[in-house]
Protein backbone atom coordinates (compact mmCIF):
# COMPACT_ATOMS: atom_id res chain seq x y z
CA MET A 1 -29.93 -4.51 7.98
CA SER A 2 -31.50 -5.37 4.67
CA THR A 3 -31.84 -8.68 2.69
CA ILE A 4 -31.42 -8.99 -1.03
CA GLY A 5 -32.29 -12.38 -2.45
CA ASP A 6 -30.49 -14.65 0.06
CA VAL A 7 -28.08 -12.29 1.09
CA THR A 8 -28.16 -10.19 4.36
CA PHE A 9 -26.41 -6.60 4.22
CA HIS A 10 -25.49 -4.97 7.44
CA ARG A 11 -24.70 -1.28 7.20
CA PRO A 12 -23.80 -0.11 10.62
CA HIS A 13 -22.74 3.50 11.56
CA ASP A 14 -20.86 2.65 14.79
CA LEU A 15 -17.46 0.83 14.75
CA GLY A 16 -18.50 -1.24 17.88
CA GLU A 17 -21.58 -2.60 15.92
CA ALA A 18 -19.42 -3.36 12.95
CA LEU A 19 -17.20 -5.36 15.02
CA ARG A 20 -19.98 -7.29 16.51
CA VAL A 21 -21.14 -8.10 12.96
CA VAL A 22 -17.68 -9.16 11.62
CA ALA A 23 -17.36 -11.50 14.69
CA SER A 24 -20.65 -13.37 13.68
CA GLY A 25 -18.93 -14.27 10.31
CA ALA A 26 -20.12 -11.32 7.92
CA VAL A 27 -17.71 -10.62 4.88
CA PRO A 28 -16.27 -6.99 5.27
CA ALA A 29 -16.88 -4.80 2.12
CA ALA A 30 -16.14 -1.32 1.42
CA GLY A 31 -15.54 -0.16 -2.29
CA CYS A 32 -15.86 -3.76 -3.44
CA THR A 33 -13.53 -3.10 -6.46
CA ASP A 34 -11.69 -6.17 -5.53
CA LEU A 35 -14.41 -8.22 -3.80
CA PHE A 36 -16.74 -8.15 -6.61
CA PRO A 37 -14.43 -9.53 -9.28
CA ALA A 38 -13.30 -12.11 -6.98
CA THR A 39 -16.71 -13.50 -6.48
CA GLN A 40 -17.43 -16.56 -8.52
CA ARG A 41 -21.28 -16.31 -8.34
CA ALA A 42 -23.97 -13.73 -9.39
CA SER A 43 -23.80 -12.21 -5.73
CA LEU A 44 -21.89 -11.97 -2.71
CA SER A 45 -21.93 -14.70 -0.25
CA GLY A 46 -23.81 -13.53 2.65
CA PRO A 47 -24.02 -12.02 5.26
CA VAL A 48 -22.16 -8.74 4.13
CA LEU A 49 -20.83 -6.11 6.20
CA ASP A 50 -20.83 -2.57 4.43
CA LEU A 51 -18.39 -0.52 6.20
CA THR A 52 -18.99 2.66 4.14
CA ALA A 53 -21.22 4.39 6.64
CA VAL A 54 -18.75 3.99 9.73
CA ALA A 55 -17.58 7.39 10.00
CA GLY A 56 -14.54 6.66 12.10
CA LEU A 57 -13.21 4.54 9.37
CA HIS A 58 -12.58 7.07 6.58
CA GLY A 59 -10.49 10.30 6.17
CA ILE A 60 -6.87 11.07 6.97
CA THR A 61 -6.04 12.87 10.03
CA ARG A 62 -2.79 14.25 11.71
CA THR A 63 -2.28 13.00 15.11
CA PRO A 64 0.69 13.38 17.79
CA GLU A 65 2.06 10.22 16.52
CA GLY A 66 1.76 10.94 12.94
CA TRP A 67 -0.86 10.22 10.29
CA ARG A 68 -3.90 8.11 10.34
CA ILE A 69 -5.47 7.02 7.32
CA GLY A 70 -8.90 5.32 7.91
CA ALA A 71 -9.34 1.98 6.17
CA THR A 72 -12.27 3.09 4.01
CA THR A 73 -10.54 6.23 2.70
CA SER A 74 -10.76 6.09 -1.16
CA TRP A 75 -7.74 6.56 -3.25
CA SER A 76 -9.16 9.84 -4.65
CA ALA A 77 -9.05 11.23 -0.97
CA VAL A 78 -5.58 10.14 -0.70
CA LEU A 79 -4.72 11.91 -4.09
CA HIS A 80 -6.27 15.25 -2.98
CA ALA A 81 -5.02 15.35 0.75
CA ALA A 82 -2.71 17.84 1.90
CA LEU A 83 0.16 15.84 2.71
CA PRO A 84 3.98 16.36 2.94
CA PRO A 85 6.25 15.51 0.27
CA ALA A 86 7.32 12.01 1.70
CA PHE A 87 3.66 10.99 0.64
CA ASP A 88 4.23 11.84 -2.90
CA ALA A 89 5.06 8.33 -3.82
CA LEU A 90 1.55 7.36 -2.34
CA LYS A 91 -0.16 9.90 -4.19
CA GLN A 92 1.61 8.85 -7.45
CA ALA A 93 0.41 5.18 -6.79
CA ALA A 94 -3.20 6.53 -6.03
CA ARG A 95 -3.17 7.74 -9.70
CA GLU A 96 -2.52 4.26 -10.84
CA VAL A 97 -5.09 2.20 -8.98
CA GLY A 98 -7.31 1.49 -11.93
CA SER A 99 -9.46 3.95 -13.64
CA VAL A 100 -10.85 7.27 -11.80
CA GLN A 101 -14.07 5.44 -11.06
CA ILE A 102 -11.85 2.63 -9.41
CA GLN A 103 -10.05 5.41 -7.52
CA ASN A 104 -13.22 7.01 -6.31
CA ALA A 105 -14.61 3.84 -4.85
CA GLY A 106 -11.63 1.49 -4.06
CA THR A 107 -10.25 1.97 -0.56
CA VAL A 108 -6.93 1.75 1.07
CA GLY A 109 -7.83 -0.79 3.54
CA GLY A 110 -9.42 -3.08 0.78
CA ASN A 111 -6.29 -2.92 -1.28
CA LEU A 112 -4.23 -4.03 1.76
CA CYS A 113 -6.59 -6.85 2.72
CA ASN A 114 -6.92 -7.97 -0.83
CA ALA A 115 -3.13 -8.79 -0.49
CA SER A 116 -2.43 -8.91 -4.25
CA PRO A 117 1.44 -8.90 -4.61
CA ALA A 118 0.79 -6.23 -7.31
CA ALA A 119 -1.12 -3.87 -5.02
CA ASP A 120 -0.06 -0.21 -6.02
CA GLY A 121 -0.50 1.08 -2.57
CA VAL A 122 1.68 -1.45 -0.73
CA PRO A 123 5.35 -0.19 -1.79
CA PRO A 124 4.65 3.48 -0.98
CA LEU A 125 3.27 2.54 2.46
CA LEU A 126 6.31 0.29 3.08
CA ALA A 127 8.48 3.09 2.31
CA LEU A 128 6.50 5.30 5.07
CA ASP A 129 7.04 2.52 7.49
CA ALA A 130 3.33 1.93 7.75
CA LEU A 131 1.64 0.00 10.44
CA VAL A 132 -1.98 -1.37 10.27
CA GLU A 133 -4.42 -1.04 13.15
CA LEU A 134 -6.59 -4.14 13.50
CA ALA A 135 -9.79 -3.77 15.60
CA SER A 136 -11.99 -6.66 17.25
CA THR A 137 -14.39 -6.80 20.04
CA ALA A 138 -11.43 -7.98 22.24
CA GLY A 139 -9.41 -4.84 21.55
CA THR A 140 -7.04 -3.30 19.05
CA ARG A 141 -3.58 -4.25 17.83
CA ARG A 142 -1.04 -2.88 15.44
CA LEU A 143 1.19 -4.66 13.02
CA PRO A 144 3.94 -3.51 10.59
CA LEU A 145 2.49 -3.61 7.20
CA ALA A 146 5.31 -6.07 6.16
CA ASP A 147 4.16 -8.36 8.84
CA PHE A 148 0.44 -8.08 7.94
CA LEU A 149 1.08 -9.17 4.41
CA THR A 150 1.83 -12.97 4.75
CA GLY A 151 1.60 -14.08 1.09
CA PRO A 152 -0.50 -13.85 -1.96
CA ARG A 153 -4.02 -12.82 -0.99
CA GLN A 154 -3.06 -13.68 2.51
CA THR A 155 -2.83 -11.39 5.43
CA ALA A 156 -2.64 -11.75 9.24
CA ARG A 157 -6.15 -10.49 9.81
CA ARG A 158 -8.25 -12.74 11.92
CA PRO A 159 -11.80 -13.56 10.90
CA ASP A 160 -13.23 -11.43 13.80
CA GLU A 161 -11.05 -8.42 12.95
CA LEU A 162 -11.37 -5.39 10.74
CA LEU A 163 -8.47 -3.38 9.65
CA SER A 164 -9.44 -0.09 10.85
CA ALA A 165 -6.65 2.34 9.83
CA VAL A 166 -3.19 2.58 8.31
CA LEU A 167 -0.77 4.54 10.46
CA VAL A 168 2.27 6.34 9.39
CA PRO A 169 4.63 7.15 12.09
CA ASP A 170 5.72 10.87 12.57
CA ALA A 171 9.34 10.30 11.51
CA ALA A 172 8.40 8.97 8.21
CA GLY A 173 6.80 12.12 7.34
CA GLN A 174 10.20 13.53 6.48
CA GLY A 175 11.95 13.60 3.25
CA VAL A 176 10.82 13.23 -0.24
CA SER A 177 9.51 10.22 -2.35
CA CYS A 178 8.83 8.91 -5.78
CA PHE A 179 6.70 5.88 -7.18
CA ALA A 180 7.24 4.14 -10.60
CA LYS A 181 5.45 1.48 -12.23
CA LEU A 182 6.04 -0.84 -15.33
CA GLY A 183 3.21 -2.63 -17.05
CA ALA A 184 2.25 -3.98 -20.52
CA ARG A 185 0.45 -0.73 -21.30
CA ARG A 186 0.30 2.90 -19.84
CA TYR A 187 -3.29 2.59 -18.03
CA LEU A 188 -5.43 0.11 -16.37
CA VAL A 189 -2.71 -2.50 -16.02
CA ILE A 190 -1.32 -5.03 -13.47
CA SER A 191 2.16 -4.12 -12.78
CA ILE A 192 5.25 -6.29 -13.90
CA ALA A 193 7.21 -4.27 -11.22
CA MET A 194 6.87 -1.14 -9.26
CA THR A 195 9.00 0.71 -6.80
CA ALA A 196 8.83 3.32 -4.15
CA VAL A 197 11.55 5.40 -2.89
CA ARG A 198 11.80 7.78 0.06
CA ILE A 199 15.17 9.70 1.00
CA VAL A 200 15.88 12.04 3.98
CA LEU A 201 18.72 14.38 3.29
CA ASP A 202 21.17 15.51 6.29
CA GLY A 203 22.29 19.19 6.62
CA GLU A 204 25.01 18.51 3.95
CA GLY A 205 22.71 17.38 1.38
CA ARG A 206 23.72 13.67 1.49
CA ILE A 207 21.25 10.77 2.40
CA ALA A 208 20.69 10.20 6.04
CA THR A 209 18.21 7.55 5.38
CA ALA A 210 16.69 5.73 2.38
CA ALA A 211 13.60 3.50 2.20
CA LEU A 212 13.30 1.29 -1.10
CA ALA A 213 10.24 -0.85 -1.60
CA VAL A 214 9.47 -3.02 -4.65
CA GLY A 215 6.27 -4.71 -5.38
CA ALA A 216 4.92 -7.20 -7.94
CA CYS A 217 7.99 -9.02 -8.13
CA SER A 218 7.89 -11.29 -5.22
CA ALA A 219 5.05 -13.09 -3.21
CA THR A 220 4.65 -9.88 -1.19
CA ALA A 221 6.25 -6.49 -1.63
CA ARG A 222 9.51 -5.95 0.05
CA ARG A 223 11.74 -3.48 1.64
CA LEU A 224 15.52 -3.72 0.43
CA ALA A 225 17.15 -3.16 3.71
CA VAL A 226 20.85 -3.91 2.30
CA GLN A 227 20.59 -1.46 -0.46
CA GLU A 228 19.03 1.02 1.66
CA ALA A 229 22.03 1.07 4.10
CA ALA A 230 24.41 1.19 1.06
CA LEU A 231 22.80 4.59 0.01
CA GLN A 232 23.45 6.36 3.30
CA GLY A 233 26.10 9.12 3.06
CA LEU A 234 25.70 9.62 -0.97
CA THR A 235 24.42 12.57 -2.58
CA PRO A 236 21.13 12.10 -4.36
CA GLY A 237 22.92 12.46 -7.45
CA ALA A 238 25.26 9.62 -6.96
CA ALA A 239 22.47 7.26 -5.56
CA GLY A 240 21.30 5.89 -8.79
CA ALA A 241 24.53 4.63 -9.97
CA ALA A 242 24.89 2.86 -6.52
CA ILE A 243 21.75 0.69 -7.12
CA ASP A 244 23.44 -2.70 -7.34
CA PRO A 245 21.54 -5.83 -8.52
CA ALA A 246 23.91 -8.02 -6.33
CA LEU A 247 22.44 -6.08 -3.06
CA ILE A 248 18.78 -6.29 -4.52
CA LEU A 249 17.99 -9.66 -6.02
CA PRO A 250 18.80 -11.94 -3.18
CA GLU A 251 16.41 -9.79 -1.13
CA LEU A 252 13.85 -9.55 -3.69
CA ALA A 253 13.65 -12.97 -5.05
CA PRO A 254 11.70 -12.32 -8.22
CA ILE A 255 9.04 -14.66 -9.41
CA ASP A 256 7.90 -15.95 -12.88
CA ASP A 257 4.23 -15.46 -13.94
CA PRO A 258 2.43 -15.04 -17.10
CA ARG A 259 3.17 -11.39 -17.12
CA ALA A 260 7.04 -11.74 -16.86
CA ASP A 261 9.86 -13.94 -15.93
CA ALA A 262 11.96 -13.53 -12.77
CA ALA A 263 15.14 -12.13 -14.72
CA TYR A 264 13.13 -9.48 -16.54
CA ARG A 265 11.38 -8.42 -13.24
CA GLY A 266 14.71 -8.24 -11.45
CA THR A 267 16.05 -5.95 -14.21
CA ALA A 268 12.88 -3.88 -14.24
CA ALA A 269 13.14 -3.42 -10.52
CA VAL A 270 16.71 -2.15 -10.57
CA GLU A 271 15.98 0.21 -13.47
CA LEU A 272 12.94 1.71 -11.79
CA LEU A 273 14.69 2.37 -8.52
CA ARG A 274 17.34 4.20 -10.57
CA ARG A 275 14.73 6.22 -12.27
CA CYS A 276 13.03 7.18 -8.92
CA LEU A 277 16.46 8.21 -7.47
CA THR A 278 17.25 10.25 -10.49
CA ARG A 279 13.85 12.02 -10.21
CA LEU A 280 14.39 12.69 -6.65
CA ALA A 281 17.90 13.92 -7.34
CA GLU A 282 16.63 16.40 -9.91
CA GLY A 283 14.11 17.76 -7.45
CA ALA A 284 16.99 18.14 -4.82
CA ALA A 285 19.00 20.21 -7.35
CA THR A 286 16.24 22.68 -8.18
């Protein structure tokens, strides 16, 4: 523990100690790439819980159940991890999380807890059927990522909990995936729309399952269950043409904001989904 000005910083090495500190009211911090910009004063409000020294919270491991991504794992670590093609969309999104410096510091857990509707990491994780693991001194619970994100800058994390890991089930490691993003410029941009697509083919080369997720268009990123079902049984080459705004827009309910209006967002989401499917079809044909 150290004190800088009127702020007390805790930097435990043990998860149990970290849980006791957060239960006392400390603000969790890791890469701080979202936390610092959101602070409206010269320093963070204390006390602050620095999670970067808790070894059990970082790294990507294969488990009997699937994959475990520690909450303080950086986006650069995701980008360079040895993961199957189903995770390609997540790696492509990792390249879009700000600059390289932000990717080195920013964390997967921080991206989720910040709960921006335009968080790059969310659509690929939704397409991977990800769950979040929430730990407290009372125990651990798991939630689907879709249930964890309850609104803009809002999550189901209780004040005495830490997001300890993101969990990807073993079955979601199947197939191939793609991520696409639209912004006002090529780099360092908040998305107008972004999509993640994962498809699994059957023995005849047709889509057995499809996972489609769209971010930056709604209050929270969303899966598109109706459109997913409509792609089953199609070849990858035919899937792009089967993307139907009539199936997507009611589930998406696009929003207006200063970056784009709802109509533009809906059109962009449809086009990005088609582009992702086209790329995946081209890969399947080679």
